[in-house]
Amino acid sequence: LVSAAPSFEERVRVRNEFVGLRLLDIITRLKNIENDDLAVQLEVFEDIRNEDDEELICQGGLSLNSHLDVFHALFYKVSDSPQAIHLLNILQNLYLMDKEGDVGIAVWNV
């Protein structure tokens, strides 16, 4: 599904959506299942993910696996635009969210 995306950007976006849904946790568990076809699919997913990560780093020195890289890229993208105040507002609200408790956990899992 991910590798069938029509463009590099779309492939990265779709994969990141799946990662946000904890796909990597599921992949880790799936590796314990002895099934050759499944093993091939998991290997292809990881190989393409690694290739895309390398491409992203080559394109702009950005690793989507690094919280700081993503934050800095986003910050510099909007820092001199009207959207900067909206980014600040989002960050302030994220900072104020509780990371524990039922509501906090539910919000952070979105």
N, C-alpha and C. Protein backbone atom coordinates (compact mmCIF):
# COMPACT_ATOMS: atom_id res chain seq x y z
N LEU A 1 0.83 -1.20 0.00
CA LEU A 1 0.00 0.00 0.00
C LEU A 1 0.87 1.26 0.00
N VAL A 2 1.88 1.28 0.85
CA VAL A 2 2.74 2.45 0.95
C VAL A 2 3.59 2.59 -0.30
N SER A 3 4.20 1.50 -0.75
CA SER A 3 5.10 1.57 -1.90
C SER A 3 4.36 1.84 -3.20
N ALA A 4 3.04 1.70 -3.21
CA ALA A 4 2.26 1.95 -4.42
C ALA A 4 1.90 3.42 -4.58
N ALA A 5 2.24 4.26 -3.62
CA ALA A 5 1.93 5.69 -3.71
C ALA A 5 2.59 6.27 -4.95
N PRO A 6 1.90 7.20 -5.64
CA PRO A 6 2.39 7.70 -6.93
C PRO A 6 3.65 8.57 -6.87
N SER A 7 3.96 9.11 -5.72
CA SER A 7 5.14 9.98 -5.64
C SER A 7 5.88 9.74 -4.34
N PHE A 8 7.11 10.18 -4.31
CA PHE A 8 7.95 10.06 -3.11
C PHE A 8 7.27 10.75 -1.92
N GLU A 9 6.81 11.98 -2.14
CA GLU A 9 6.19 12.75 -1.05
C GLU A 9 4.95 12.05 -0.52
N GLU A 10 4.14 11.51 -1.43
CA GLU A 10 2.92 10.81 -1.02
C GLU A 10 3.26 9.53 -0.25
N ARG A 11 4.28 8.83 -0.71
CA ARG A 11 4.72 7.60 -0.04
C ARG A 11 5.16 7.91 1.39
N VAL A 12 5.94 8.97 1.56
CA VAL A 12 6.40 9.35 2.90
C VAL A 12 5.22 9.78 3.77
N ARG A 13 4.29 10.53 3.19
CA ARG A 13 3.12 10.99 3.95
C ARG A 13 2.26 9.81 4.41
N VAL A 14 1.99 8.88 3.48
CA VAL A 14 1.16 7.71 3.84
C VAL A 14 1.86 6.88 4.91
N ARG A 15 3.16 6.66 4.73
CA ARG A 15 3.89 5.86 5.72
C ARG A 15 3.86 6.55 7.09
N ASN A 16 4.04 7.85 7.12
CA ASN A 16 4.02 8.55 8.39
C ASN A 16 2.64 8.50 9.07
N GLU A 17 1.59 8.47 8.26
CA GLU A 17 0.25 8.28 8.81
C GLU A 17 0.16 6.92 9.51
N PHE A 18 0.68 5.90 8.83
CA PHE A 18 0.67 4.56 9.42
C PHE A 18 1.55 4.48 10.67
N VAL A 19 2.69 5.12 10.62
CA VAL A 19 3.58 5.13 11.79
C VAL A 19 2.88 5.81 12.96
N GLY A 20 2.16 6.89 12.67
CA GLY A 20 1.39 7.57 13.71
C GLY A 20 0.31 6.69 14.32
N LEU A 21 -0.14 5.72 13.56
CA LEU A 21 -1.14 4.75 14.05
C LEU A 21 -0.48 3.53 14.68
N ARG A 22 0.81 3.63 14.96
CA ARG A 22 1.59 2.60 15.63
C ARG A 22 1.84 1.36 14.78
N LEU A 23 1.97 1.56 13.49
CA LEU A 23 2.25 0.45 12.60
C LEU A 23 3.58 -0.23 12.94
N LEU A 24 4.57 0.54 13.35
CA LEU A 24 5.87 -0.05 13.66
C LEU A 24 5.78 -1.05 14.82
N ASP A 25 4.91 -0.77 15.78
CA ASP A 25 4.69 -1.72 16.88
C ASP A 25 4.09 -3.02 16.35
N ILE A 26 3.15 -2.87 15.43
CA ILE A 26 2.50 -4.05 14.85
C ILE A 26 3.50 -4.84 14.00
N ILE A 27 4.33 -4.13 13.24
CA ILE A 27 5.34 -4.81 12.43
C ILE A 27 6.28 -5.62 13.30
N THR A 28 6.67 -5.07 14.44
CA THR A 28 7.54 -5.79 15.36
C THR A 28 6.90 -7.11 15.78
N ARG A 29 5.61 -7.08 16.07
CA ARG A 29 4.91 -8.30 16.47
C ARG A 29 4.74 -9.26 15.29
N LEU A 30 4.50 -8.71 14.11
CA LEU A 30 4.32 -9.56 12.93
C LEU A 30 5.59 -10.32 12.56
N LYS A 31 6.74 -9.77 12.92
CA LYS A 31 8.00 -10.44 12.61
C LYS A 31 8.12 -11.78 13.33
N ASN A 32 7.35 -11.96 14.39
CA ASN A 32 7.39 -13.21 15.14
C ASN A 32 6.57 -14.32 14.49
N ILE A 33 5.78 -13.96 13.48
CA ILE A 33 4.96 -14.95 12.78
C ILE A 33 5.80 -15.56 11.67
N GLU A 34 5.83 -16.87 11.62
CA GLU A 34 6.61 -17.56 10.59
C GLU A 34 5.76 -17.71 9.34
N ASN A 35 5.95 -16.76 8.42
CA ASN A 35 5.25 -16.78 7.16
C ASN A 35 6.16 -16.09 6.14
N ASP A 36 6.60 -16.84 5.15
CA ASP A 36 7.56 -16.31 4.18
C ASP A 36 7.03 -15.11 3.41
N ASP A 37 5.77 -15.17 2.99
CA ASP A 37 5.18 -14.06 2.23
C ASP A 37 5.12 -12.80 3.09
N LEU A 38 4.72 -12.96 4.34
CA LEU A 38 4.66 -11.83 5.26
C LEU A 38 6.06 -11.27 5.52
N ALA A 39 7.02 -12.14 5.70
CA ALA A 39 8.40 -11.71 5.94
C ALA A 39 8.92 -10.87 4.78
N VAL A 40 8.59 -11.27 3.56
CA VAL A 40 9.02 -10.51 2.37
C VAL A 40 8.38 -9.12 2.38
N GLN A 41 7.10 -9.07 2.67
CA GLN A 41 6.41 -7.77 2.69
C GLN A 41 6.97 -6.84 3.77
N LEU A 42 7.27 -7.40 4.93
CA LEU A 42 7.83 -6.59 6.01
C LEU A 42 9.23 -6.09 5.64
N GLU A 43 9.99 -6.94 4.99
CA GLU A 43 11.34 -6.55 4.57
C GLU A 43 11.28 -5.45 3.51
N VAL A 44 10.36 -5.59 2.57
CA VAL A 44 10.20 -4.56 1.53
C VAL A 44 9.80 -3.23 2.17
N PHE A 45 8.85 -3.28 3.11
CA PHE A 45 8.43 -2.06 3.80
C PHE A 45 9.62 -1.37 4.46
N GLU A 46 10.42 -2.14 5.19
CA GLU A 46 11.56 -1.55 5.89
C GLU A 46 12.64 -1.07 4.93
N ASP A 47 12.89 -1.81 3.86
CA ASP A 47 13.89 -1.39 2.88
C ASP A 47 13.50 -0.07 2.22
N ILE A 48 12.26 0.03 1.79
CA ILE A 48 11.81 1.26 1.15
C ILE A 48 11.78 2.41 2.15
N ARG A 49 11.39 2.13 3.38
CA ARG A 49 11.39 3.17 4.41
C ARG A 49 12.81 3.69 4.62
N ASN A 50 13.78 2.80 4.72
CA ASN A 50 15.17 3.22 4.91
C ASN A 50 15.67 4.02 3.72
N GLU A 51 15.34 3.59 2.50
CA GLU A 51 15.73 4.33 1.30
C GLU A 51 15.11 5.73 1.29
N ASP A 52 13.84 5.81 1.66
CA ASP A 52 13.16 7.11 1.69
C ASP A 52 13.76 8.02 2.76
N ASP A 53 14.10 7.45 3.91
CA ASP A 53 14.73 8.24 4.97
C ASP A 53 16.06 8.81 4.49
N GLU A 54 16.83 7.99 3.79
CA GLU A 54 18.11 8.46 3.25
C GLU A 54 17.89 9.56 2.22
N GLU A 55 16.88 9.40 1.39
CA GLU A 55 16.56 10.41 0.38
C GLU A 55 16.17 11.73 1.04
N LEU A 56 15.37 11.64 2.10
CA LEU A 56 14.97 12.86 2.81
C LEU A 56 16.18 13.58 3.39
N ILE A 57 17.10 12.83 3.94
CA ILE A 57 18.31 13.43 4.50
C ILE A 57 19.12 14.08 3.39
N CYS A 58 19.21 13.42 2.25
CA CYS A 58 19.97 13.98 1.11
C CYS A 58 19.30 15.24 0.57
N GLN A 59 17.99 15.27 0.57
CA GLN A 59 17.27 16.42 0.01
C GLN A 59 17.44 17.67 0.87
N GLY A 60 17.43 17.52 2.16
CA GLY A 60 17.51 18.72 2.97
C GLY A 60 18.11 18.51 4.33
N GLY A 61 18.78 17.40 4.51
CA GLY A 61 19.38 17.12 5.80
C GLY A 61 18.35 16.83 6.88
N LEU A 62 17.14 16.49 6.49
CA LEU A 62 16.05 16.28 7.43
C LEU A 62 15.81 14.80 7.65
N SER A 63 15.79 14.40 8.90
CA SER A 63 15.40 13.04 9.26
C SER A 63 14.03 13.11 9.90
N LEU A 64 13.04 12.47 9.28
CA LEU A 64 11.70 12.47 9.86
C LEU A 64 11.62 11.62 11.12
N ASN A 65 12.69 10.94 11.45
CA ASN A 65 12.74 10.16 12.68
C ASN A 65 13.30 10.96 13.83
N SER A 66 13.70 12.19 13.58
CA SER A 66 14.26 13.05 14.61
C SER A 66 13.26 14.14 14.97
N HIS A 67 12.84 14.15 16.21
CA HIS A 67 11.90 15.18 16.67
C HIS A 67 12.45 16.58 16.42
N LEU A 68 13.73 16.76 16.73
CA LEU A 68 14.34 18.08 16.57
C LEU A 68 14.45 18.48 15.11
N ASP A 69 14.84 17.56 14.25
CA ASP A 69 14.93 17.88 12.82
C ASP A 69 13.58 18.32 12.28
N VAL A 70 12.54 17.59 12.62
CA VAL A 70 11.21 17.93 12.13
C VAL A 70 10.76 19.27 12.70
N PHE A 71 10.97 19.48 14.00
CA PHE A 71 10.59 20.76 14.60
C PHE A 71 11.32 21.92 13.94
N HIS A 72 12.64 21.79 13.81
CA HIS A 72 13.43 22.88 13.21
C HIS A 72 13.00 23.15 11.77
N ALA A 73 12.76 22.10 11.00
CA ALA A 73 12.34 22.28 9.61
C ALA A 73 10.99 23.00 9.56
N LEU A 74 10.08 22.61 10.42
CA LEU A 74 8.78 23.25 10.47
C LEU A 74 8.90 24.70 10.92
N PHE A 75 9.70 24.93 11.94
CA PHE A 75 9.91 26.29 12.44
C PHE A 75 10.47 27.20 11.35
N TYR A 76 11.51 26.74 10.68
CA TYR A 76 12.13 27.56 9.63
C TYR A 76 11.20 27.74 8.43
N LYS A 77 10.35 26.77 8.22
CA LYS A 77 9.40 26.86 7.10
C LYS A 77 8.41 28.00 7.28
N VAL A 78 7.99 28.23 8.53
CA VAL A 78 6.95 29.25 8.78
C VAL A 78 7.44 30.45 9.57
N SER A 79 8.68 30.46 10.01
CA SER A 79 9.14 31.50 10.94
C SER A 79 8.99 32.92 10.42
N ASP A 80 9.08 33.13 9.13
CA ASP A 80 8.95 34.49 8.60
C ASP A 80 7.64 34.69 7.85
N SER A 81 6.62 33.95 8.27
CA SER A 81 5.32 34.05 7.60
C SER A 81 4.23 34.29 8.64
N PRO A 82 3.04 34.63 8.18
CA PRO A 82 1.92 34.82 9.12
C PRO A 82 1.54 33.53 9.87
N GLN A 83 1.94 32.38 9.33
CA GLN A 83 1.61 31.11 9.98
C GLN A 83 2.43 30.87 11.24
N ALA A 84 3.47 31.66 11.46
CA ALA A 84 4.33 31.48 12.63
C ALA A 84 3.54 31.59 13.93
N ILE A 85 2.61 32.52 13.99
CA ILE A 85 1.82 32.69 15.22
C ILE A 85 0.93 31.47 15.46
N HIS A 86 0.47 30.86 14.38
CA HIS A 86 -0.36 29.65 14.52
C HIS A 86 0.47 28.47 15.01
N LEU A 87 1.69 28.35 14.51
CA LEU A 87 2.59 27.31 14.99
C LEU A 87 2.86 27.50 16.47
N LEU A 88 3.12 28.73 16.87
CA LEU A 88 3.36 29.01 18.29
C LEU A 88 2.14 28.64 19.12
N ASN A 89 0.96 28.96 18.65
CA ASN A 89 -0.27 28.63 19.36
C ASN A 89 -0.42 27.12 19.51
N ILE A 90 -0.14 26.38 18.44
CA ILE A 90 -0.22 24.92 18.49
C ILE A 90 0.78 24.37 19.50
N LEU A 91 2.01 24.88 19.46
CA LEU A 91 3.04 24.42 20.40
C LEU A 91 2.66 24.73 21.84
N GLN A 92 2.11 25.91 22.08
CA GLN A 92 1.69 26.27 23.44
C GLN A 92 0.61 25.32 23.94
N ASN A 93 -0.34 25.00 23.08
CA ASN A 93 -1.41 24.08 23.47
C ASN A 93 -0.89 22.67 23.70
N LEU A 94 0.04 22.24 22.86
CA LEU A 94 0.64 20.93 23.08
C LEU A 94 1.39 20.88 24.41
N TYR A 95 2.09 21.95 24.70
CA TYR A 95 2.86 22.03 25.95
C TYR A 95 1.95 21.92 27.17
N LEU A 96 0.77 22.49 27.07
CA LEU A 96 -0.15 22.50 28.21
C LEU A 96 -0.94 21.21 28.38
N MET A 97 -0.91 20.34 27.38
CA MET A 97 -1.67 19.10 27.48
C MET A 97 -1.02 18.14 28.46
N ASP A 98 -1.86 17.53 29.26
CA ASP A 98 -1.40 16.53 30.22
C ASP A 98 -1.00 15.27 29.46
N LYS A 99 0.13 14.68 29.83
CA LYS A 99 0.56 13.46 29.15
C LYS A 99 0.05 12.21 29.84
N GLU A 100 -0.63 12.38 30.94
CA GLU A 100 -1.16 11.24 31.68
C GLU A 100 -2.65 11.40 31.85
N GLY A 101 -3.29 10.42 32.43
CA GLY A 101 -4.73 10.45 32.58
C GLY A 101 -5.40 10.01 31.30
N ASP A 102 -6.65 9.61 31.40
CA ASP A 102 -7.37 9.08 30.24
C ASP A 102 -7.48 10.09 29.10
N VAL A 103 -7.83 11.33 29.44
CA VAL A 103 -7.99 12.35 28.40
C VAL A 103 -6.65 12.69 27.78
N GLY A 104 -5.63 12.88 28.59
CA GLY A 104 -4.31 13.20 28.07
C GLY A 104 -3.76 12.12 27.16
N ILE A 105 -3.90 10.88 27.57
CA ILE A 105 -3.42 9.76 26.75
C ILE A 105 -4.20 9.71 25.43
N ALA A 106 -5.51 9.90 25.50
CA ALA A 106 -6.33 9.87 24.28
C ALA A 106 -5.92 10.99 23.33
N VAL A 107 -5.68 12.17 23.86
CA VAL A 107 -5.29 13.30 23.00
C VAL A 107 -3.93 13.06 22.38
N TRP A 108 -2.96 12.60 23.15
CA TRP A 108 -1.61 12.37 22.61
C TRP A 108 -1.59 11.22 21.61
N ASN A 109 -2.54 10.29 21.71
CA ASN A 109 -2.59 9.19 20.75
C ASN A 109 -3.24 9.56 19.43
N VAL A 110 -3.82 10.76 19.38
CA VAL A 110 -4.42 11.20 18.11
C VAL A 110 -3.35 11.52 17.19
